[in-house]
Structure formats: C-alpha cells, structure tokens
C-alpha cells in the first residue's frame, strides 16, 4: 500500500492505494492513476514520485535473502 494525495475540489485528502492494483499512471498534466478495477483518480504526486513509492513498496514486500553458509 502507498500513501498519495488525492486532488479534490475543496480540499486535498490523503489516501492509501493498493499498489498491486495500479494499471496506469499518466501525466495529463496532473497525475492520473487508473486501477485494474476501473477506478481513476488524480493525485498531487508526480508520475516519478508514484513510481518511486511503488518501487519502495515492492522492495519492502520482497523477503530478505538468507545468508548461505
């Protein structure tokens, strides 16, 4: 899960997104996220920031390799 800032008409809000459901991230010029479930939303973070957050999330999910003896 990654935390992003959803753009809203009155006040931006923090949301937590399942990174595994992100299908596309587009610059339109705002950042538009499309999910595999068909939902779309605009976020304040840049495309690069979203990618960095997804990569960091995936690194946390990968188990640490055990040392070989």
C-alpha atoms as a PDB file:
ATOM      1  CA  UNK A   1       0.000   0.000   0.000  1.00  0.00           C
ATOM      2  CA  UNK A   2       1.223   3.502  -0.800  1.00  0.00           C
ATOM      3  CA  UNK A   3       0.048   6.861   0.533  1.00  0.00           C
ATOM      4  CA  UNK A   4      -0.856   9.529  -2.014  1.00  0.00           C
ATOM      5  CA  UNK A   5      -2.620  12.897  -2.008  1.00  0.00           C
ATOM      6  CA  UNK A   6      -5.889  12.802  -3.928  1.00  0.00           C
ATOM      7  CA  UNK A   7      -6.778  16.069  -5.645  1.00  0.00           C
ATOM      8  CA  UNK A   8     -10.241  17.261  -4.645  1.00  0.00           C
ATOM      9  CA  UNK A   9     -12.325  20.350  -5.416  1.00  0.00           C
ATOM     10  CA  UNK A  10     -12.408  21.660  -1.862  1.00  0.00           C
ATOM     11  CA  UNK A  11      -9.538  20.039  -0.015  1.00  0.00           C
ATOM     12  CA  UNK A  12      -6.853  17.531  -0.988  1.00  0.00           C
ATOM     13  CA  UNK A  13      -7.008  14.329   1.028  1.00  0.00           C
ATOM     14  CA  UNK A  14      -4.517  11.610   1.894  1.00  0.00           C
ATOM     15  CA  UNK A  15      -5.455   8.197   0.535  1.00  0.00           C
ATOM     16  CA  UNK A  16      -3.811   4.787   0.712  1.00  0.00           C
ATOM     17  CA  UNK A  17      -3.756   2.860  -2.555  1.00  0.00           C
ATOM     18  CA  UNK A  18      -3.113  -0.812  -3.169  1.00  0.00           C
ATOM     19  CA  UNK A  19      -0.025  -0.577  -5.381  1.00  0.00           C
ATOM     20  CA  UNK A  20      -0.778  -4.012  -6.842  1.00  0.00           C
ATOM     21  CA  UNK A  21      -3.969  -2.647  -8.436  1.00  0.00           C
ATOM     22  CA  UNK A  22      -2.319   0.261 -10.282  1.00  0.00           C
ATOM     23  CA  UNK A  23      -2.530  -0.382 -14.018  1.00  0.00           C
ATOM     24  CA  UNK A  24      -1.516   3.005 -15.484  1.00  0.00           C
ATOM     25  CA  UNK A  25      -0.015   6.262 -14.221  1.00  0.00           C
ATOM     26  CA  UNK A  26      -0.423   9.134 -16.674  1.00  0.00           C
ATOM     27  CA  UNK A  27       0.606  12.790 -16.794  1.00  0.00           C
ATOM     28  CA  UNK A  28      -2.433  14.726 -18.101  1.00  0.00           C
ATOM     29  CA  UNK A  29      -0.907  17.334 -16.924  1.00  0.00           C
ATOM     30  CA  UNK A  30      -1.919  16.249 -13.415  1.00  0.00           C
ATOM     31  CA  UNK A  31      -1.088  12.691 -12.426  1.00  0.00           C
ATOM     32  CA  UNK A  32      -3.933  10.313 -13.243  1.00  0.00           C
ATOM     33  CA  UNK A  33      -3.925   6.821 -11.754  1.00  0.00           C
ATOM     34  CA  UNK A  34      -6.009   4.049 -13.321  1.00  0.00           C
ATOM     35  CA  UNK A  35      -6.557   0.801 -11.460  1.00  0.00           C
ATOM     36  CA  UNK A  36      -7.291  -2.711 -12.659  1.00  0.00           C
ATOM     37  CA  UNK A  37     -10.758  -2.312 -11.113  1.00  0.00           C
ATOM     38  CA  UNK A  38     -11.558   0.583 -13.465  1.00  0.00           C
ATOM     39  CA  UNK A  39     -11.276   3.391 -10.919  1.00  0.00           C
ATOM     40  CA  UNK A  40      -9.402   6.581 -11.847  1.00  0.00           C
ATOM     41  CA  UNK A  41      -8.244   9.444  -9.678  1.00  0.00           C
ATOM     42  CA  UNK A  42      -5.944  12.446  -9.798  1.00  0.00           C
ATOM     43  CA  UNK A  43      -3.122  12.795  -7.298  1.00  0.00           C
ATOM     44  CA  UNK A  44      -0.784  15.629  -6.355  1.00  0.00           C
ATOM     45  CA  UNK A  45       2.379  13.497  -6.637  1.00  0.00           C
ATOM     46  CA  UNK A  46       4.237  13.398  -9.953  1.00  0.00           C
ATOM     47  CA  UNK A  47       4.419  10.255 -12.080  1.00  0.00           C
ATOM     48  CA  UNK A  48       8.022   9.807 -10.935  1.00  0.00           C
ATOM     49  CA  UNK A  49       7.041  10.086  -7.255  1.00  0.00           C
ATOM     50  CA  UNK A  50       4.291   7.477  -7.687  1.00  0.00           C
ATOM     51  CA  UNK A  51       6.736   5.110  -9.385  1.00  0.00           C
ATOM     52  CA  UNK A  52       9.276   5.637  -6.577  1.00  0.00           C
ATOM     53  CA  UNK A  53       6.616   4.851  -3.960  1.00  0.00           C
ATOM     54  CA  UNK A  54       5.550   1.685  -5.785  1.00  0.00           C
ATOM     55  CA  UNK A  55       9.170   0.519  -6.131  1.00  0.00           C
ATOM     56  CA  UNK A  56       9.809   1.197  -2.407  1.00  0.00           C
ATOM     57  CA  UNK A  57       6.623  -0.701  -1.512  1.00  0.00           C
ATOM     58  CA  UNK A  58       7.632  -3.700  -3.609  1.00  0.00           C
ATOM     59  CA  UNK A  59      11.118  -3.730  -2.068  1.00  0.00           C
ATOM     60  CA  UNK A  60       9.528  -3.917   1.388  1.00  0.00           C
ATOM     61  CA  UNK A  61       7.432  -6.893   0.236  1.00  0.00           C
ATOM     62  CA  UNK A  62      10.352  -8.953  -1.079  1.00  0.00           C
ATOM     63  CA  UNK A  63      11.696 -11.232   1.646  1.00  0.00           C
ATOM     64  CA  UNK A  64      15.285 -10.665   2.616  1.00  0.00           C
ATOM     65  CA  UNK A  65      17.530 -13.390   1.215  1.00  0.00           C
ATOM     66  CA  UNK A  66      19.019 -15.673   3.816  1.00  0.00           C
ATOM     67  CA  UNK A  67      22.788 -15.908   4.028  1.00  0.00           C
ATOM     68  CA  UNK A  68      24.204 -19.051   2.587  1.00  0.00           C
ATOM     69  CA  UNK A  69      26.628 -20.870   4.852  1.00  0.00           C
END
